[in-house]
Amino acid sequence: MLPCYHWNRSVVVKADHPLADKKNITISELAQYPIMTYTHGFTGRSELDEAFYKAGLQAKIIFTATDADVIKTYVRLGLGIEIIASIAVDPNQDQDLVIIDMRDKFSYSTTKIGFHRNSFLRSYMYDFIWRFAPHLTPDVVDKAIALRSNEEIEEMFKEIQLPTI
């Protein structure tokens, strides 16, 4: 598992929602509303749960899905608020929604690319990895493959500044 980039979350609401005019929302305020988000174990859901836990609160999760567009549809129907990856919001397609940046309230998540250590990587695979994450050059990938443990790989990547999107 090689780290590609960091990302964080936004709250998405309808324009007429009480949170729509707020710029700085607390976890306590979020806990007052029905929340729709990603399925547990998918796309950083644990960081969301951890933020509520640290605040001594429980999120009112009413709906989960693996697709942000499905969740946005339910927000448009007025079923609750959405907490999703900020990169899943399209300023052109989602002009009817209000997006509130929450990077200061939730820990970032890291997207990783994975493959079996003993796999033979063909040149097009190296090319795909590099295009997806430019810091993962063939040399870097080979160096990571040669390491013996995930802990060593994590240590190696502490020195590399991952992009945040």
N, C-alpha and C. Protein backbone atom coordinates (compact mmCIF):
# COMPACT_ATOMS: atom_id res chain seq x y z
N MET A 1 0.86 -1.17 0.00
CA MET A 1 0.00 0.00 0.00
C MET A 1 0.90 1.23 0.00
N LEU A 2 0.85 1.99 -1.08
CA LEU A 2 1.68 3.19 -1.21
C LEU A 2 0.80 4.43 -1.17
N PRO A 3 1.16 5.40 -0.32
CA PRO A 3 0.33 6.60 -0.17
C PRO A 3 0.39 7.50 -1.40
N CYS A 4 -0.78 7.97 -1.82
CA CYS A 4 -0.89 8.81 -3.02
C CYS A 4 -1.15 10.28 -2.69
N TYR A 5 -2.16 10.55 -1.88
CA TYR A 5 -2.48 11.93 -1.52
C TYR A 5 -3.37 11.95 -0.29
N HIS A 6 -3.41 13.11 0.37
CA HIS A 6 -4.29 13.34 1.52
C HIS A 6 -5.54 14.07 1.04
N TRP A 7 -6.64 13.86 1.73
CA TRP A 7 -7.88 14.56 1.43
C TRP A 7 -8.67 14.77 2.71
N ASN A 8 -9.62 15.68 2.67
CA ASN A 8 -10.46 15.90 3.83
C ASN A 8 -11.91 16.03 3.41
N ARG A 9 -12.74 16.47 4.34
CA ARG A 9 -14.18 16.44 4.17
C ARG A 9 -14.81 17.82 4.10
N SER A 10 -16.00 17.82 3.54
CA SER A 10 -16.86 19.00 3.55
C SER A 10 -18.25 18.55 3.99
N VAL A 11 -18.97 19.49 4.55
CA VAL A 11 -20.38 19.28 4.83
C VAL A 11 -21.14 19.87 3.65
N VAL A 12 -22.13 19.15 3.17
CA VAL A 12 -22.93 19.60 2.03
C VAL A 12 -24.38 19.65 2.48
N VAL A 13 -25.00 20.83 2.23
CA VAL A 13 -26.40 21.04 2.63
C VAL A 13 -27.15 21.74 1.50
N LYS A 14 -28.46 21.71 1.60
CA LYS A 14 -29.29 22.49 0.67
C LYS A 14 -29.16 23.96 1.04
N ALA A 15 -29.42 24.82 0.08
CA ALA A 15 -29.27 26.27 0.29
C ALA A 15 -30.20 26.81 1.37
N ASP A 16 -31.31 26.14 1.64
CA ASP A 16 -32.24 26.62 2.66
C ASP A 16 -32.04 25.96 4.03
N HIS A 17 -30.97 25.19 4.18
CA HIS A 17 -30.68 24.52 5.44
C HIS A 17 -30.13 25.52 6.46
N PRO A 18 -30.44 25.35 7.75
CA PRO A 18 -29.93 26.27 8.78
C PRO A 18 -28.41 26.41 8.82
N LEU A 19 -27.67 25.40 8.40
CA LEU A 19 -26.20 25.47 8.40
C LEU A 19 -25.65 26.17 7.16
N ALA A 20 -26.48 26.43 6.18
CA ALA A 20 -26.01 26.96 4.90
C ALA A 20 -25.30 28.31 5.02
N ASP A 21 -25.69 29.13 5.96
CA ASP A 21 -25.10 30.45 6.11
C ASP A 21 -23.92 30.48 7.08
N LYS A 22 -23.60 29.35 7.68
CA LYS A 22 -22.52 29.30 8.67
C LYS A 22 -21.20 28.95 8.00
N LYS A 23 -20.15 29.60 8.42
CA LYS A 23 -18.82 29.33 7.87
C LYS A 23 -17.99 28.43 8.79
N ASN A 24 -18.28 28.48 10.09
CA ASN A 24 -17.51 27.71 11.05
C ASN A 24 -18.46 26.84 11.87
N ILE A 25 -18.60 25.61 11.46
CA ILE A 25 -19.53 24.69 12.09
C ILE A 25 -18.77 23.80 13.06
N THR A 26 -19.37 23.57 14.23
CA THR A 26 -18.75 22.68 15.22
C THR A 26 -19.29 21.26 15.07
N ILE A 27 -18.59 20.33 15.66
CA ILE A 27 -19.05 18.94 15.69
C ILE A 27 -20.38 18.87 16.45
N SER A 28 -20.51 19.67 17.50
CA SER A 28 -21.77 19.70 18.27
C SER A 28 -22.95 20.11 17.40
N GLU A 29 -22.73 21.08 16.53
CA GLU A 29 -23.80 21.50 15.63
C GLU A 29 -24.15 20.39 14.64
N LEU A 30 -23.12 19.73 14.11
CA LEU A 30 -23.37 18.62 13.17
C LEU A 30 -24.17 17.51 13.83
N ALA A 31 -23.90 17.25 15.11
CA ALA A 31 -24.56 16.15 15.82
C ALA A 31 -26.07 16.37 15.96
N GLN A 32 -26.53 17.59 15.73
CA GLN A 32 -27.96 17.89 15.87
C GLN A 32 -28.78 17.48 14.64
N TYR A 33 -28.09 17.12 13.55
CA TYR A 33 -28.79 16.86 12.29
C TYR A 33 -28.60 15.42 11.83
N PRO A 34 -29.58 14.90 11.07
CA PRO A 34 -29.39 13.59 10.45
C PRO A 34 -28.26 13.69 9.42
N ILE A 35 -27.35 12.72 9.47
CA ILE A 35 -26.15 12.76 8.63
C ILE A 35 -26.16 11.59 7.66
N MET A 36 -25.77 11.91 6.43
CA MET A 36 -25.54 10.88 5.41
C MET A 36 -24.06 10.95 5.04
N THR A 37 -23.44 9.78 4.95
CA THR A 37 -22.01 9.75 4.67
C THR A 37 -21.64 8.40 4.06
N TYR A 38 -20.35 8.16 4.01
CA TYR A 38 -19.86 6.92 3.42
C TYR A 38 -20.09 5.72 4.34
N THR A 39 -20.14 4.56 3.73
CA THR A 39 -20.26 3.30 4.44
C THR A 39 -19.04 3.11 5.34
N HIS A 40 -19.26 2.56 6.54
CA HIS A 40 -18.16 2.33 7.48
C HIS A 40 -17.10 1.43 6.83
N GLY A 41 -15.86 1.79 7.04
CA GLY A 41 -14.76 1.04 6.44
C GLY A 41 -14.44 1.47 5.03
N PHE A 42 -15.11 2.52 4.56
CA PHE A 42 -14.92 3.00 3.20
C PHE A 42 -14.58 4.48 3.24
N THR A 43 -13.57 4.87 2.53
CA THR A 43 -13.16 6.27 2.36
C THR A 43 -13.12 7.10 3.64
N GLY A 44 -12.36 6.64 4.59
CA GLY A 44 -12.06 7.47 5.74
C GLY A 44 -13.19 7.67 6.74
N ARG A 45 -14.15 6.81 6.75
CA ARG A 45 -15.28 6.94 7.67
C ARG A 45 -14.80 6.94 9.12
N SER A 46 -13.72 6.22 9.43
CA SER A 46 -13.26 6.14 10.81
C SER A 46 -12.83 7.51 11.35
N GLU A 47 -12.27 8.38 10.50
CA GLU A 47 -11.87 9.72 10.96
C GLU A 47 -13.10 10.54 11.33
N LEU A 48 -14.17 10.37 10.60
CA LEU A 48 -15.42 11.06 10.92
C LEU A 48 -15.94 10.57 12.27
N ASP A 49 -16.00 9.28 12.45
CA ASP A 49 -16.47 8.71 13.71
C ASP A 49 -15.59 9.15 14.87
N GLU A 50 -14.29 9.20 14.64
CA GLU A 50 -13.33 9.60 15.67
C GLU A 50 -13.56 11.04 16.12
N ALA A 51 -13.87 11.93 15.20
CA ALA A 51 -14.12 13.34 15.55
C ALA A 51 -15.33 13.46 16.47
N PHE A 52 -16.38 12.72 16.20
CA PHE A 52 -17.55 12.75 17.06
C PHE A 52 -17.24 12.13 18.42
N TYR A 53 -16.50 11.03 18.41
CA TYR A 53 -16.12 10.36 19.65
C TYR A 53 -15.31 11.29 20.55
N LYS A 54 -14.32 11.99 19.97
CA LYS A 54 -13.48 12.92 20.74
C LYS A 54 -14.30 14.06 21.33
N ALA A 55 -15.37 14.45 20.65
CA ALA A 55 -16.24 15.52 21.14
C ALA A 55 -17.26 14.99 22.15
N GLY A 56 -17.24 13.68 22.41
CA GLY A 56 -18.19 13.08 23.34
C GLY A 56 -19.59 13.01 22.79
N LEU A 57 -19.70 12.95 21.46
CA LEU A 57 -21.00 12.97 20.79
C LEU A 57 -21.15 11.76 19.88
N GLN A 58 -22.37 11.51 19.51
CA GLN A 58 -22.64 10.44 18.55
C GLN A 58 -23.33 11.04 17.33
N ALA A 59 -22.80 10.72 16.17
CA ALA A 59 -23.40 11.20 14.93
C ALA A 59 -24.71 10.46 14.68
N LYS A 60 -25.69 11.18 14.15
CA LYS A 60 -26.98 10.58 13.79
C LYS A 60 -26.89 10.14 12.32
N ILE A 61 -26.20 9.04 12.09
CA ILE A 61 -26.04 8.54 10.73
C ILE A 61 -27.34 7.85 10.32
N ILE A 62 -27.98 8.39 9.30
CA ILE A 62 -29.27 7.82 8.86
C ILE A 62 -29.16 7.07 7.54
N PHE A 63 -28.06 7.32 6.82
CA PHE A 63 -27.90 6.69 5.51
C PHE A 63 -26.42 6.65 5.17
N THR A 64 -25.97 5.52 4.60
CA THR A 64 -24.59 5.43 4.13
C THR A 64 -24.58 4.85 2.72
N ALA A 65 -23.57 5.24 1.98
CA ALA A 65 -23.39 4.74 0.62
C ALA A 65 -21.90 4.83 0.27
N THR A 66 -21.51 4.18 -0.80
CA THR A 66 -20.13 4.27 -1.26
C THR A 66 -19.96 5.33 -2.34
N ASP A 67 -21.05 5.91 -2.78
CA ASP A 67 -21.02 6.87 -3.88
C ASP A 67 -21.51 8.24 -3.41
N ALA A 68 -20.67 9.26 -3.52
CA ALA A 68 -21.02 10.61 -3.06
C ALA A 68 -22.20 11.18 -3.83
N ASP A 69 -22.34 10.85 -5.11
CA ASP A 69 -23.45 11.39 -5.89
C ASP A 69 -24.79 10.85 -5.40
N VAL A 70 -24.81 9.60 -4.94
CA VAL A 70 -26.04 9.05 -4.36
C VAL A 70 -26.40 9.83 -3.10
N ILE A 71 -25.40 10.10 -2.27
CA ILE A 71 -25.65 10.83 -1.02
C ILE A 71 -26.13 12.25 -1.34
N LYS A 72 -25.51 12.90 -2.33
CA LYS A 72 -25.94 14.26 -2.70
C LYS A 72 -27.40 14.28 -3.16
N THR A 73 -27.84 13.22 -3.80
CA THR A 73 -29.24 13.14 -4.23
C THR A 73 -30.17 13.20 -3.03
N TYR A 74 -29.81 12.49 -1.97
CA TYR A 74 -30.64 12.49 -0.76
C TYR A 74 -30.58 13.83 -0.03
N VAL A 75 -29.46 14.52 -0.11
CA VAL A 75 -29.39 15.87 0.44
C VAL A 75 -30.36 16.77 -0.32
N ARG A 76 -30.35 16.66 -1.64
CA ARG A 76 -31.27 17.46 -2.47
C ARG A 76 -32.73 17.18 -2.14
N LEU A 77 -33.01 15.97 -1.69
CA LEU A 77 -34.38 15.61 -1.30
C LEU A 77 -34.72 16.08 0.11
N GLY A 78 -33.72 16.65 0.81
CA GLY A 78 -33.96 17.21 2.13
C GLY A 78 -33.94 16.22 3.27
N LEU A 79 -33.27 15.08 3.07
CA LEU A 79 -33.27 14.05 4.12
C LEU A 79 -32.24 14.29 5.21
N GLY A 80 -31.29 15.19 4.99
CA GLY A 80 -30.28 15.45 6.01
C GLY A 80 -29.09 16.18 5.42
N ILE A 81 -28.01 16.19 6.19
CA ILE A 81 -26.77 16.81 5.73
C ILE A 81 -25.81 15.71 5.29
N GLU A 82 -24.83 16.11 4.54
CA GLU A 82 -23.88 15.14 3.99
C GLU A 82 -22.48 15.51 4.44
N ILE A 83 -21.71 14.50 4.82
CA ILE A 83 -20.29 14.71 5.10
C ILE A 83 -19.53 13.77 4.16
N ILE A 84 -18.85 14.38 3.17
CA ILE A 84 -18.16 13.59 2.15
C ILE A 84 -16.79 14.19 1.86
N ALA A 85 -16.04 13.52 1.02
CA ALA A 85 -14.74 14.02 0.58
C ALA A 85 -14.93 15.33 -0.18
N SER A 86 -14.11 16.31 0.15
CA SER A 86 -14.22 17.61 -0.52
C SER A 86 -14.04 17.47 -2.03
N ILE A 87 -13.21 16.54 -2.47
CA ILE A 87 -12.98 16.36 -3.90
C ILE A 87 -14.17 15.75 -4.63
N ALA A 88 -15.17 15.28 -3.88
CA ALA A 88 -16.36 14.69 -4.49
C ALA A 88 -17.41 15.73 -4.85
N VAL A 89 -17.12 16.99 -4.54
CA VAL A 89 -18.06 18.07 -4.84
C VAL A 89 -17.58 18.79 -6.10
N ASP A 90 -18.48 18.91 -7.06
CA ASP A 90 -18.16 19.58 -8.32
C ASP A 90 -18.84 20.95 -8.33
N PRO A 91 -18.03 22.03 -8.37
CA PRO A 91 -18.62 23.38 -8.31
C PRO A 91 -19.60 23.67 -9.44
N ASN A 92 -19.45 23.01 -10.57
CA ASN A 92 -20.37 23.23 -11.69
C ASN A 92 -21.65 22.43 -11.54
N GLN A 93 -21.53 21.15 -11.23
CA GLN A 93 -22.71 20.29 -11.12
C GLN A 93 -23.48 20.49 -9.83
N ASP A 94 -22.81 20.97 -8.80
CA ASP A 94 -23.44 21.06 -7.48
C ASP A 94 -23.72 22.50 -7.06
N GLN A 95 -24.02 23.36 -8.02
CA GLN A 95 -24.28 24.77 -7.72
C GLN A 95 -25.49 24.99 -6.82
N ASP A 96 -26.39 24.01 -6.79
CA ASP A 96 -27.59 24.13 -5.97
C ASP A 96 -27.34 23.77 -4.51
N LEU A 97 -26.13 23.29 -4.20
CA LEU A 97 -25.79 22.88 -2.84
C LEU A 97 -24.79 23.85 -2.22
N VAL A 98 -24.76 23.88 -0.90
CA VAL A 98 -23.79 24.71 -0.17
C VAL A 98 -22.73 23.76 0.40
N ILE A 99 -21.48 24.09 0.12
CA ILE A 99 -20.36 23.26 0.55
C ILE A 99 -19.60 24.01 1.65
N ILE A 100 -19.42 23.36 2.79
CA ILE A 100 -18.74 23.97 3.93
C ILE A 100 -17.49 23.15 4.24
N ASP A 101 -16.34 23.76 4.08
CA ASP A 101 -15.06 23.10 4.30
C ASP A 101 -14.90 22.75 5.78
N MET A 102 -14.53 21.51 6.05
CA MET A 102 -14.40 21.05 7.44
C MET A 102 -12.99 20.53 7.75
N ARG A 103 -12.00 20.95 6.98
CA ARG A 103 -10.65 20.40 7.17
C ARG A 103 -10.09 20.67 8.55
N ASP A 104 -10.58 21.71 9.23
CA ASP A 104 -10.08 21.99 10.57
C ASP A 104 -10.81 21.19 11.65
N LYS A 105 -11.84 20.45 11.28
CA LYS A 105 -12.61 19.67 12.26
C LYS A 105 -12.35 18.16 12.18
N PHE A 106 -11.91 17.69 11.02
CA PHE A 106 -11.67 16.26 10.84
C PHE A 106 -10.22 16.03 10.45
N SER A 107 -9.67 14.91 10.88
CA SER A 107 -8.33 14.51 10.45
C SER A 107 -8.38 14.15 8.98
N TYR A 108 -7.31 14.40 8.27
CA TYR A 108 -7.29 14.04 6.86
C TYR A 108 -7.20 12.53 6.69
N SER A 109 -7.59 12.06 5.54
CA SER A 109 -7.46 10.66 5.16
C SER A 109 -6.43 10.58 4.04
N THR A 110 -5.89 9.40 3.84
CA THR A 110 -4.88 9.21 2.81
C THR A 110 -5.35 8.14 1.83
N THR A 111 -5.37 8.48 0.56
CA THR A 111 -5.67 7.50 -0.48
C THR A 111 -4.38 6.77 -0.81
N LYS A 112 -4.48 5.46 -0.91
CA LYS A 112 -3.31 4.63 -1.21
C LYS A 112 -3.59 3.76 -2.41
N ILE A 113 -2.53 3.37 -3.07
CA ILE A 113 -2.66 2.41 -4.17
C ILE A 113 -1.98 1.13 -3.70
N GLY A 114 -2.60 0.01 -3.96
CA GLY A 114 -2.07 -1.25 -3.45
C GLY A 114 -1.92 -2.31 -4.53
N PHE A 115 -0.96 -3.17 -4.31
CA PHE A 115 -0.72 -4.32 -5.17
C PHE A 115 0.06 -5.34 -4.36
N HIS A 116 0.06 -6.59 -4.80
CA HIS A 116 0.82 -7.63 -4.10
C HIS A 116 2.31 -7.38 -4.26
N ARG A 117 3.01 -7.50 -3.16
CA ARG A 117 4.46 -7.26 -3.15
C ARG A 117 5.19 -8.14 -4.18
N ASN A 118 4.73 -9.35 -4.38
CA ASN A 118 5.40 -10.28 -5.30
C ASN A 118 4.90 -10.19 -6.73
N SER A 119 4.05 -9.21 -7.00
CA SER A 119 3.54 -9.04 -8.37
C SER A 119 4.64 -8.54 -9.30
N PHE A 120 4.56 -8.97 -10.53
CA PHE A 120 5.45 -8.43 -11.55
C PHE A 120 4.73 -7.23 -12.14
N LEU A 121 5.32 -6.05 -11.94
CA LEU A 121 4.69 -4.84 -12.45
C LEU A 121 5.19 -4.56 -13.86
N ARG A 122 4.28 -4.53 -14.79
CA ARG A 122 4.63 -4.22 -16.17
C ARG A 122 4.79 -2.70 -16.32
N SER A 123 5.37 -2.29 -17.41
CA SER A 123 5.66 -0.86 -17.59
C SER A 123 4.38 -0.02 -17.56
N TYR A 124 3.28 -0.52 -18.11
CA TYR A 124 2.04 0.26 -18.09
C TYR A 124 1.51 0.40 -16.67
N MET A 125 1.82 -0.56 -15.79
CA MET A 125 1.39 -0.45 -14.39
C MET A 125 2.19 0.65 -13.69
N TYR A 126 3.49 0.67 -13.91
CA TYR A 126 4.32 1.74 -13.36
C TYR A 126 3.81 3.09 -13.88
N ASP A 127 3.47 3.13 -15.16
CA ASP A 127 3.00 4.37 -15.78
C ASP A 127 1.69 4.82 -15.13
N PHE A 128 0.76 3.87 -14.90
CA PHE A 128 -0.50 4.21 -14.26
C PHE A 128 -0.25 4.76 -12.85
N ILE A 129 0.58 4.08 -12.07
CA ILE A 129 0.88 4.51 -10.70
C ILE A 129 1.46 5.92 -10.72
N TRP A 130 2.41 6.17 -11.60
CA TRP A 130 3.06 7.47 -11.69
C TRP A 130 2.06 8.57 -12.10
N ARG A 131 1.16 8.25 -13.05
CA ARG A 131 0.18 9.25 -13.48
C ARG A 131 -0.84 9.55 -12.37
N PHE A 132 -1.15 8.55 -11.58
CA PHE A 132 -2.08 8.72 -10.47
C PHE A 132 -1.43 9.49 -9.31
N ALA A 133 -0.15 9.20 -9.07
CA ALA A 133 0.58 9.83 -7.97
C ALA A 133 2.00 10.10 -8.45
N PRO A 134 2.27 11.30 -8.99
CA PRO A 134 3.57 11.61 -9.61
C PRO A 134 4.79 11.39 -8.74
N HIS A 135 4.62 11.40 -7.42
CA HIS A 135 5.77 11.13 -6.56
C HIS A 135 6.13 9.64 -6.52
N LEU A 136 5.24 8.79 -7.04
CA LEU A 136 5.51 7.34 -7.07
C LEU A 136 6.16 6.96 -8.40
N THR A 137 7.39 7.39 -8.55
CA THR A 137 8.17 7.05 -9.73
C THR A 137 8.51 5.57 -9.69
N PRO A 138 8.90 4.99 -10.82
CA PRO A 138 9.31 3.57 -10.79
C PRO A 138 10.39 3.28 -9.76
N ASP A 139 11.35 4.17 -9.59
CA ASP A 139 12.41 3.96 -8.60
C ASP A 139 11.85 3.93 -7.18
N VAL A 140 10.93 4.84 -6.87
CA VAL A 140 10.32 4.88 -5.54
C VAL A 140 9.50 3.62 -5.30
N VAL A 141 8.73 3.21 -6.30
CA VAL A 141 7.92 1.99 -6.18
C VAL A 141 8.82 0.78 -5.95
N ASP A 142 9.89 0.66 -6.72
CA ASP A 142 10.81 -0.47 -6.56
C ASP A 142 11.46 -0.46 -5.18
N LYS A 143 11.83 0.71 -4.69
CA LYS A 143 12.43 0.81 -3.37
C LYS A 143 11.44 0.35 -2.30
N ALA A 144 10.17 0.76 -2.43
CA ALA A 144 9.15 0.35 -1.46
C ALA A 144 8.90 -1.15 -1.51
N ILE A 145 8.91 -1.72 -2.72
CA ILE A 145 8.71 -3.17 -2.87
C ILE A 145 9.83 -3.93 -2.16
N ALA A 146 11.03 -3.40 -2.20
CA ALA A 146 12.19 -4.08 -1.62
C ALA A 146 12.17 -4.07 -0.08
N LEU A 147 11.40 -3.18 0.50
CA LEU A 147 11.34 -3.12 1.96
C LEU A 147 10.58 -4.34 2.50
N ARG A 148 10.84 -4.68 3.73
CA ARG A 148 10.30 -5.92 4.29
C ARG A 148 8.96 -5.77 5.00
N SER A 149 8.60 -4.57 5.39
CA SER A 149 7.36 -4.44 6.17
C SER A 149 6.63 -3.15 5.82
N ASN A 150 5.36 -3.13 6.19
CA ASN A 150 4.55 -1.92 5.99
C ASN A 150 5.09 -0.77 6.85
N GLU A 151 5.64 -1.10 8.02
CA GLU A 151 6.21 -0.07 8.88
C GLU A 151 7.39 0.62 8.19
N GLU A 152 8.22 -0.15 7.51
CA GLU A 152 9.35 0.43 6.77
C GLU A 152 8.86 1.32 5.63
N ILE A 153 7.80 0.88 4.96
CA ILE A 153 7.23 1.69 3.88
C ILE A 153 6.68 3.00 4.45
N GLU A 154 5.96 2.92 5.57
CA GLU A 154 5.44 4.14 6.19
C GLU A 154 6.58 5.09 6.57
N GLU A 155 7.65 4.55 7.10
CA GLU A 155 8.81 5.37 7.47
C GLU A 155 9.42 6.03 6.24
N MET A 156 9.51 5.29 5.15
CA MET A 156 10.06 5.82 3.90
C MET A 156 9.25 7.03 3.42
N PHE A 157 7.93 6.94 3.54
CA PHE A 157 7.06 7.99 3.01
C PHE A 157 6.89 9.17 3.96
N LYS A 158 7.42 9.08 5.17
CA LYS A 158 7.40 10.24 6.06
C LYS A 158 8.25 11.36 5.50
N GLU A 159 9.24 11.00 4.70
CA GLU A 159 10.14 11.99 4.11
C GLU A 159 9.56 12.63 2.85
N ILE A 160 8.52 12.04 2.28
CA ILE A 160 7.94 12.54 1.04
C ILE A 160 6.69 13.35 1.37
N GLN A 161 6.65 14.58 0.86
CA GLN A 161 5.49 15.45 1.07
C GLN A 161 4.38 15.04 0.12
N LEU A 162 3.32 14.46 0.66
CA LEU A 162 2.18 14.05 -0.16
C LEU A 162 1.31 15.26 -0.48
N PRO A 163 0.76 15.31 -1.68
CA PRO A 163 -0.16 16.40 -2.00
C PRO A 163 -1.45 16.28 -1.19
N THR A 164 -2.06 17.41 -0.89
CA THR A 164 -3.36 17.45 -0.23
C THR A 164 -4.34 18.05 -1.22
N ILE A 165 -5.43 17.29 -1.46
CA ILE A 165 -6.44 17.78 -2.41
C ILE A 165 -7.79 17.89 -1.75
